[in-house]
Amino acid sequence: MPFARWIGSRLEIVDYPNPRKMHQQAIPCSGGVAIYLAFFISLFLVLSIAPHLYQEIGSKVIMLSSLGALLLLLGIYDDKRNIGAQWKLLGQIAICLVAIGMGFRIDILSNPFGGAFHLGWLTIPISLFWFLGFINAMNLIDGLDGLATGIIAITSLILLPIALVSGSVDFSILIAALAGVTLSFLRINLSQKGKVFLGDNGSMLLGFLLASLAIIGSRKGLVFNVLIITFLCLGVPVYDTATAITRRLRRGLNIFSPDKEHIHHRLLSYGFNKRKAVLVLFAMTLVLGLIGIVLTFSRNSGATAIIIASGSIIAFIKRKWWIDLLKRIMR
């Protein structure tokens, strides 16, 4: 973490306060550097200690480290130069297409009512949408200390037992590494000393890593479960991103224009402090993940669970009584 702070200061990748930001002082936003180094160094150490695992995860770690480095550099450049959302999106698309070409793609979707659907020519657009959705959803939700990191940590911890039960060695090792790294970063990110923000470089990297690992896990006999559970766990940022795009289109604004109407901004406007707002969104992520766990045992409830989860999020945002109830619980 000191190295990440040093990099942020050295390269002047610093997030300065402004009316739209929640912090009051300049803070390095080079958290992606810490995430990247911790994640891949830990994996390469595992390979050096247990070389027999190279066949299971070696090629995946090398490909992910290369792709992750490209996305990290894109994020660092954007954090430093503010290249603009359109150029950033083009860079994301290029990197994601390379990832798809390397084999990180969704070929099959399980039908929640039985059977499977081979995507055929839809593989590339759906895989691209999967990557871009996760990358940008995590980028947009990263508005409060620890929020994006905590959501990824909770999702990883929910996926870990599924990976272990499935007997998938590569998925288990990779998702365990992601859980460990995000939990460690979360602890530091929530502290008042030595704070480092994720920055675009960190939030985009986390979204990309989770999207990639979910695809790896989906090929281990639990296609429907892993993809749907991952999607449900990210229900909060995905919903927030979808409503942000819809809101801006209805107002005739650029979909990339910033505002203060994201889900965490709404919670703050309802009277929650920053810490409680983060805890509420963590709880929502956990509930959505538990709904996904239920799918592991009852595939036929898939469509119903998705509808219930989506409806719950909408009700939470729109209904005042939910807010009043939560305030009483969290006093």
Protein backbone atom coordinates (compact mmCIF):
# COMPACT_ATOMS: atom_id res chain seq x y z
CA MET A 1 0.00 0.00 0.00
CA PRO A 2 2.82 2.52 0.71
CA PHE A 3 4.13 1.72 -2.78
CA ALA A 4 0.69 2.45 -4.28
CA ARG A 5 0.58 5.77 -2.40
CA TRP A 6 4.08 6.57 -3.64
CA ILE A 7 3.10 5.76 -7.23
CA GLY A 8 -0.01 7.93 -6.92
CA SER A 9 1.96 10.87 -5.57
CA ARG A 10 4.85 10.38 -7.99
CA LEU A 11 2.60 10.25 -11.05
CA GLU A 12 0.26 12.89 -9.59
CA ILE A 13 -2.70 10.50 -9.71
CA VAL A 14 -4.57 12.33 -6.99
CA ASP A 15 -8.28 12.86 -6.39
CA TYR A 16 -8.89 16.45 -5.35
CA PRO A 17 -12.06 17.55 -3.51
CA ASN A 18 -14.88 19.19 -5.47
CA PRO A 19 -18.62 19.77 -4.88
CA ARG A 20 -19.48 16.34 -6.34
CA LYS A 21 -16.92 14.43 -4.24
CA MET A 22 -17.40 13.10 -0.70
CA HIS A 23 -13.87 13.73 0.64
CA GLN A 24 -12.35 16.97 1.89
CA GLN A 25 -8.66 16.47 1.09
CA ALA A 26 -6.47 15.33 -1.78
CA ILE A 27 -6.00 11.54 -1.73
CA PRO A 28 -3.94 9.32 -4.07
CA CYS A 29 -6.21 7.24 -6.30
CA SER A 30 -3.75 4.53 -7.28
CA GLY A 31 -5.48 1.67 -5.48
CA GLY A 32 -5.53 -0.36 -8.67
CA VAL A 33 -1.75 -0.66 -8.44
CA ALA A 34 -2.04 -2.24 -4.99
CA ILE A 35 -4.85 -4.56 -6.13
CA TYR A 36 -2.95 -5.64 -9.23
CA LEU A 37 0.35 -6.31 -7.46
CA ALA A 38 -1.21 -8.12 -4.49
CA PHE A 39 -3.47 -10.29 -6.66
CA PHE A 40 -0.91 -11.42 -9.21
CA ILE A 41 2.11 -11.65 -6.91
CA SER A 42 0.09 -13.94 -4.62
CA LEU A 43 -0.87 -16.12 -7.59
CA PHE A 44 2.69 -16.33 -8.93
CA LEU A 45 3.86 -17.24 -5.42
CA VAL A 46 1.31 -20.06 -5.35
CA LEU A 47 2.66 -21.30 -8.69
CA SER A 48 6.25 -21.13 -7.45
CA ILE A 49 5.41 -23.07 -4.28
CA ALA A 50 3.15 -25.59 -6.04
CA PRO A 51 4.36 -25.83 -9.68
CA HIS A 52 2.02 -28.76 -10.31
CA LEU A 53 -0.82 -26.20 -10.31
CA TYR A 54 0.61 -24.50 -13.39
CA GLN A 55 -1.43 -26.76 -15.65
CA GLU A 56 -4.59 -25.65 -13.85
CA ILE A 57 -4.09 -21.90 -13.59
CA GLY A 58 -0.74 -20.97 -15.15
CA SER A 59 -1.95 -19.84 -18.56
CA LYS A 60 -4.98 -18.09 -17.06
CA VAL A 61 -2.83 -16.13 -14.61
CA ILE A 62 -0.46 -15.03 -17.38
CA MET A 63 -3.31 -13.93 -19.66
CA LEU A 64 -5.18 -12.16 -16.85
CA SER A 65 -2.02 -10.37 -15.71
CA SER A 66 -1.40 -9.10 -19.25
CA LEU A 67 -5.00 -7.97 -19.79
CA GLY A 68 -5.21 -6.54 -16.28
CA ALA A 69 -2.03 -4.53 -16.88
CA LEU A 70 -3.53 -2.98 -20.01
CA LEU A 71 -6.72 -2.03 -18.20
CA LEU A 72 -4.73 -0.73 -15.23
CA LEU A 73 -2.64 1.50 -17.51
CA LEU A 74 -5.79 2.78 -19.22
CA GLY A 75 -7.28 3.64 -15.84
CA ILE A 76 -4.09 5.32 -14.60
CA TYR A 77 -3.89 7.41 -17.76
CA ASP A 78 -7.54 8.42 -17.37
CA ASP A 79 -7.07 9.26 -13.68
CA LYS A 80 -4.11 11.47 -14.60
CA ARG A 81 -5.25 13.03 -17.89
CA ASN A 82 -9.05 12.60 -17.81
CA ILE A 83 -9.15 11.32 -21.38
CA GLY A 84 -12.94 11.45 -21.58
CA ALA A 85 -15.56 8.76 -21.23
CA GLN A 86 -15.80 8.00 -24.96
CA TRP A 87 -12.08 7.33 -25.35
CA LYS A 88 -12.04 5.34 -22.14
CA LEU A 89 -14.92 3.21 -23.44
CA LEU A 90 -13.09 2.58 -26.71
CA GLY A 91 -10.04 1.45 -24.76
CA GLN A 92 -12.19 -0.86 -22.66
CA ILE A 93 -13.80 -2.35 -25.76
CA ALA A 94 -10.40 -3.02 -27.35
CA ILE A 95 -9.05 -4.75 -24.22
CA CYS A 96 -12.24 -6.77 -23.73
CA LEU A 97 -12.19 -7.94 -27.35
CA VAL A 98 -8.63 -9.17 -26.83
CA ALA A 99 -9.83 -11.01 -23.70
CA ILE A 100 -12.66 -12.60 -25.66
CA GLY A 101 -10.19 -13.62 -28.36
CA MET A 102 -8.04 -15.27 -25.68
CA GLY A 103 -10.97 -17.43 -24.63
CA PHE A 104 -12.62 -15.42 -21.86
CA ARG A 105 -16.10 -15.59 -23.34
CA ILE A 106 -19.57 -16.89 -22.60
CA ASP A 107 -20.38 -19.70 -25.05
CA ILE A 108 -23.31 -21.34 -23.27
CA LEU A 109 -26.10 -20.11 -21.04
CA SER A 110 -28.07 -22.58 -18.97
CA ASN A 111 -31.83 -22.34 -19.11
CA PRO A 112 -33.21 -21.85 -15.56
CA PHE A 113 -36.01 -24.25 -16.51
CA GLY A 114 -33.63 -26.92 -17.77
CA GLY A 115 -31.24 -27.47 -20.64
CA ALA A 116 -28.69 -25.09 -22.13
CA PHE A 117 -28.57 -22.49 -24.87
CA HIS A 118 -25.55 -22.32 -27.17
CA LEU A 119 -24.97 -18.67 -28.05
CA GLY A 120 -23.28 -19.17 -31.42
CA TRP A 121 -22.70 -15.80 -33.11
CA LEU A 122 -24.08 -14.04 -30.01
CA THR A 123 -21.04 -15.15 -28.00
CA ILE A 124 -18.95 -12.08 -28.81
CA PRO A 125 -21.59 -9.35 -28.24
CA ILE A 126 -22.90 -10.95 -25.04
CA SER A 127 -19.39 -11.51 -23.69
CA LEU A 128 -18.46 -7.93 -24.55
CA PHE A 129 -21.60 -6.64 -22.83
CA TRP A 130 -20.75 -8.78 -19.78
CA PHE A 131 -17.26 -7.30 -19.48
CA LEU A 132 -18.25 -3.70 -20.18
CA GLY A 133 -21.22 -3.93 -17.83
CA PHE A 134 -19.12 -5.13 -14.91
CA ILE A 135 -16.22 -2.74 -15.56
CA ASN A 136 -18.40 0.35 -15.78
CA ALA A 137 -20.86 -0.68 -13.06
CA MET A 138 -17.97 -0.94 -10.60
CA ASN A 139 -16.53 2.31 -11.90
CA LEU A 140 -19.79 4.19 -11.30
CA ILE A 141 -20.58 2.69 -7.88
CA ASP A 142 -17.15 3.68 -6.55
CA GLY A 143 -18.37 6.82 -4.79
CA LEU A 144 -17.89 6.05 -1.08
CA ASP A 145 -14.89 4.66 0.81
CA GLY A 146 -14.78 0.89 0.53
CA LEU A 147 -18.03 0.51 -1.41
CA ALA A 148 -16.75 -0.98 -4.68
CA THR A 149 -14.08 -3.05 -2.92
CA GLY A 150 -16.57 -4.39 -0.38
CA ILE A 151 -19.07 -5.43 -3.05
CA ILE A 152 -16.36 -7.40 -4.86
CA ALA A 153 -15.18 -8.93 -1.57
CA ILE A 154 -18.71 -10.06 -0.63
CA THR A 155 -19.27 -11.47 -4.11
CA SER A 156 -15.97 -13.36 -3.98
CA LEU A 157 -16.78 -14.83 -0.57
CA ILE A 158 -20.16 -15.99 -1.85
CA LEU A 159 -18.61 -17.59 -4.93
CA LEU A 160 -15.76 -19.27 -3.03
CA PRO A 161 -17.79 -22.10 -1.41
CA ILE A 162 -19.49 -22.73 -4.76
CA ALA A 163 -16.06 -23.02 -6.38
CA LEU A 164 -14.89 -25.43 -3.67
CA VAL A 165 -18.02 -27.58 -3.89
CA SER A 166 -17.72 -27.76 -7.67
CA GLY A 167 -14.17 -29.10 -7.34
CA SER A 168 -12.80 -26.42 -9.65
CA VAL A 169 -9.16 -25.92 -8.66
CA ASP A 170 -8.48 -22.92 -10.90
CA PHE A 171 -11.70 -21.10 -10.02
CA SER A 172 -11.20 -21.79 -6.30
CA ILE A 173 -7.64 -20.43 -6.24
CA LEU A 174 -8.44 -17.36 -8.33
CA ILE A 175 -11.60 -16.38 -6.44
CA ALA A 176 -9.88 -16.98 -3.08
CA ALA A 177 -7.06 -14.66 -4.15
CA LEU A 178 -9.56 -11.98 -5.18
CA ALA A 179 -11.41 -12.30 -1.87
CA GLY A 180 -8.18 -12.00 0.13
CA VAL A 181 -6.90 -9.00 -1.79
CA THR A 182 -10.17 -7.07 -1.64
CA LEU A 183 -10.65 -7.76 2.07
CA SER A 184 -7.12 -6.51 2.77
CA PHE A 185 -7.62 -3.40 0.67
CA LEU A 186 -11.02 -2.77 2.25
CA ARG A 187 -9.50 -2.65 5.72
CA ILE A 188 -6.94 -0.06 4.63
CA ASN A 189 -9.41 1.87 2.49
CA LEU A 190 -11.75 2.34 5.46
CA SER A 191 -8.96 3.52 7.76
CA GLN A 192 -8.21 7.20 8.20
CA LYS A 193 -4.42 6.83 7.91
CA GLY A 194 -2.61 5.89 4.72
CA LYS A 195 -5.85 6.04 2.71
CA VAL A 196 -5.72 5.28 -1.00
CA PHE A 197 -8.69 5.47 -3.35
CA LEU A 198 -9.27 2.80 -5.97
CA GLY A 199 -9.47 5.35 -8.75
CA ASP A 200 -10.72 4.40 -12.19
CA ASN A 201 -7.69 2.13 -12.49
CA GLY A 202 -8.78 0.09 -9.46
CA SER A 203 -12.54 -0.02 -9.97
CA MET A 204 -12.21 -1.01 -13.63
CA LEU A 205 -9.63 -3.67 -12.77
CA LEU A 206 -11.88 -5.19 -10.10
CA GLY A 207 -14.86 -5.28 -12.46
CA PHE A 208 -12.75 -6.93 -15.15
CA LEU A 209 -11.27 -9.52 -12.80
CA LEU A 210 -14.66 -10.53 -11.40
CA ALA A 211 -16.18 -10.75 -14.89
CA SER A 212 -13.26 -12.93 -16.03
CA LEU A 213 -13.31 -15.23 -13.01
CA ALA A 214 -17.07 -15.74 -13.34
CA ILE A 215 -16.54 -16.88 -16.92
CA ILE A 216 -13.81 -19.29 -15.77
CA GLY A 217 -16.12 -20.66 -13.08
CA SER A 218 -19.03 -20.98 -15.47
CA ARG A 219 -17.16 -23.67 -17.40
CA LYS A 220 -16.98 -26.04 -14.46
CA GLY A 221 -20.45 -27.57 -14.62
CA LEU A 222 -22.21 -24.71 -12.82
CA VAL A 223 -22.79 -22.40 -15.78
CA PHE A 224 -26.14 -21.04 -14.69
CA ASN A 225 -25.21 -20.76 -11.04
CA VAL A 226 -21.90 -18.91 -11.35
CA LEU A 227 -23.00 -16.38 -13.96
CA ILE A 228 -26.36 -15.67 -12.36
CA ILE A 229 -25.00 -15.54 -8.80
CA THR A 230 -22.28 -13.14 -9.91
CA PHE A 231 -24.81 -11.00 -11.76
CA LEU A 232 -27.15 -10.96 -8.75
CA CYS A 233 -24.33 -10.04 -6.37
CA LEU A 234 -23.60 -7.04 -8.56
CA GLY A 235 -27.30 -6.16 -8.64
CA VAL A 236 -26.71 -2.87 -6.80
CA PRO A 237 -24.06 -1.42 -9.17
CA VAL A 238 -25.78 -2.87 -12.25
CA TYR A 239 -29.11 -1.33 -11.22
CA ASP A 240 -27.38 1.94 -10.39
CA THR A 241 -25.68 2.04 -13.79
CA ALA A 242 -28.88 1.20 -15.68
CA THR A 243 -30.89 3.88 -13.87
CA ALA A 244 -28.11 6.45 -14.35
CA ILE A 245 -28.07 5.85 -18.11
CA THR A 246 -31.88 5.95 -18.29
CA ARG A 247 -32.03 9.11 -16.18
CA ARG A 248 -29.56 10.96 -18.37
CA LEU A 249 -31.19 9.86 -21.62
CA ARG A 250 -34.60 11.06 -20.40
CA ARG A 251 -33.08 14.44 -19.58
CA GLY A 252 -31.33 14.69 -22.92
CA LEU A 253 -27.89 14.54 -21.29
CA ASN A 254 -24.76 12.68 -22.29
CA ILE A 255 -24.92 9.24 -20.66
CA PHE A 256 -21.37 9.78 -19.40
CA SER A 257 -22.12 13.09 -17.67
CA PRO A 258 -21.59 12.92 -13.87
CA ASP A 259 -24.27 13.70 -11.30
CA LYS A 260 -25.06 13.23 -7.61
CA GLU A 261 -28.04 10.93 -8.02
CA HIS A 262 -26.38 7.55 -7.71
CA ILE A 263 -27.71 5.10 -5.14
CA HIS A 264 -25.14 6.10 -2.52
CA HIS A 265 -25.98 9.78 -3.04
CA ARG A 266 -29.65 8.93 -2.47
CA LEU A 267 -28.89 7.18 0.80
CA LEU A 268 -26.91 10.18 1.99
CA SER A 269 -29.79 12.47 1.06
CA TYR A 270 -32.13 10.24 3.09
CA GLY A 271 -30.05 11.00 6.18
CA PHE A 272 -27.62 8.07 6.36
CA ASN A 273 -24.01 8.88 7.11
CA LYS A 274 -21.32 7.54 4.78
CA ARG A 275 -20.51 4.46 6.86
CA LYS A 276 -24.15 3.42 7.28
CA ALA A 277 -24.85 4.00 3.58
CA VAL A 278 -21.99 1.64 2.73
CA LEU A 279 -23.25 -0.97 5.22
CA VAL A 280 -26.76 -0.82 3.75
CA LEU A 281 -25.40 -1.47 0.25
CA PHE A 282 -23.20 -4.28 1.58
CA ALA A 283 -26.30 -5.84 3.16
CA MET A 284 -28.19 -5.58 -0.13
CA THR A 285 -25.30 -7.26 -1.93
CA LEU A 286 -25.29 -10.07 0.63
CA VAL A 287 -29.05 -10.59 0.30
CA LEU A 288 -28.80 -10.74 -3.48
CA GLY A 289 -25.94 -13.21 -3.16
CA LEU A 290 -27.95 -15.42 -0.82
CA ILE A 291 -30.76 -15.42 -3.38
CA GLY A 292 -28.15 -16.64 -5.84
CA ILE A 293 -27.08 -19.39 -3.43
CA VAL A 294 -30.69 -20.60 -3.37
CA LEU A 295 -30.43 -21.00 -7.14
CA THR A 296 -27.68 -23.55 -6.56
CA PHE A 297 -30.27 -25.86 -5.05
CA SER A 298 -33.31 -24.87 -7.08
CA ARG A 299 -32.67 -23.83 -10.65
CA ASN A 300 -36.35 -23.49 -11.44
CA SER A 301 -36.57 -20.47 -9.15
CA GLY A 302 -34.15 -18.51 -11.31
CA ALA A 303 -36.51 -16.19 -13.12
CA THR A 304 -38.60 -15.61 -9.99
CA ALA A 305 -35.52 -14.84 -7.89
CA ILE A 306 -34.25 -12.32 -10.42
CA ILE A 307 -37.62 -10.56 -10.50
CA ILE A 308 -37.85 -10.51 -6.68
CA ALA A 309 -34.30 -9.21 -6.35
CA SER A 310 -34.81 -6.46 -8.91
CA GLY A 311 -38.13 -5.50 -7.38
CA SER A 312 -36.59 -5.34 -3.91
CA ILE A 313 -33.90 -2.94 -5.08
CA ILE A 314 -36.46 -0.70 -6.79
CA ALA A 315 -38.71 -0.78 -3.72
CA PHE A 316 -35.77 0.11 -1.52
CA ILE A 317 -34.97 3.18 -3.58
CA LYS A 318 -38.52 4.36 -4.18
CA ARG A 319 -40.36 3.64 -0.94
CA LYS A 320 -39.85 5.94 2.02
CA TRP A 321 -40.92 3.33 4.59
CA TRP A 322 -37.92 1.17 3.73
CA ILE A 323 -35.66 4.07 4.59
CA ASP A 324 -37.43 4.82 7.87
CA LEU A 325 -37.26 1.14 8.86
CA LEU A 326 -33.54 0.94 8.13
CA LYS A 327 -32.85 4.10 10.09
CA ARG A 328 -34.57 2.62 13.15
CA ILE A 329 -32.65 -0.65 12.79
CA MET A 330 -29.27 1.08 12.43
CA ARG A 331 -29.61 3.56 15.32
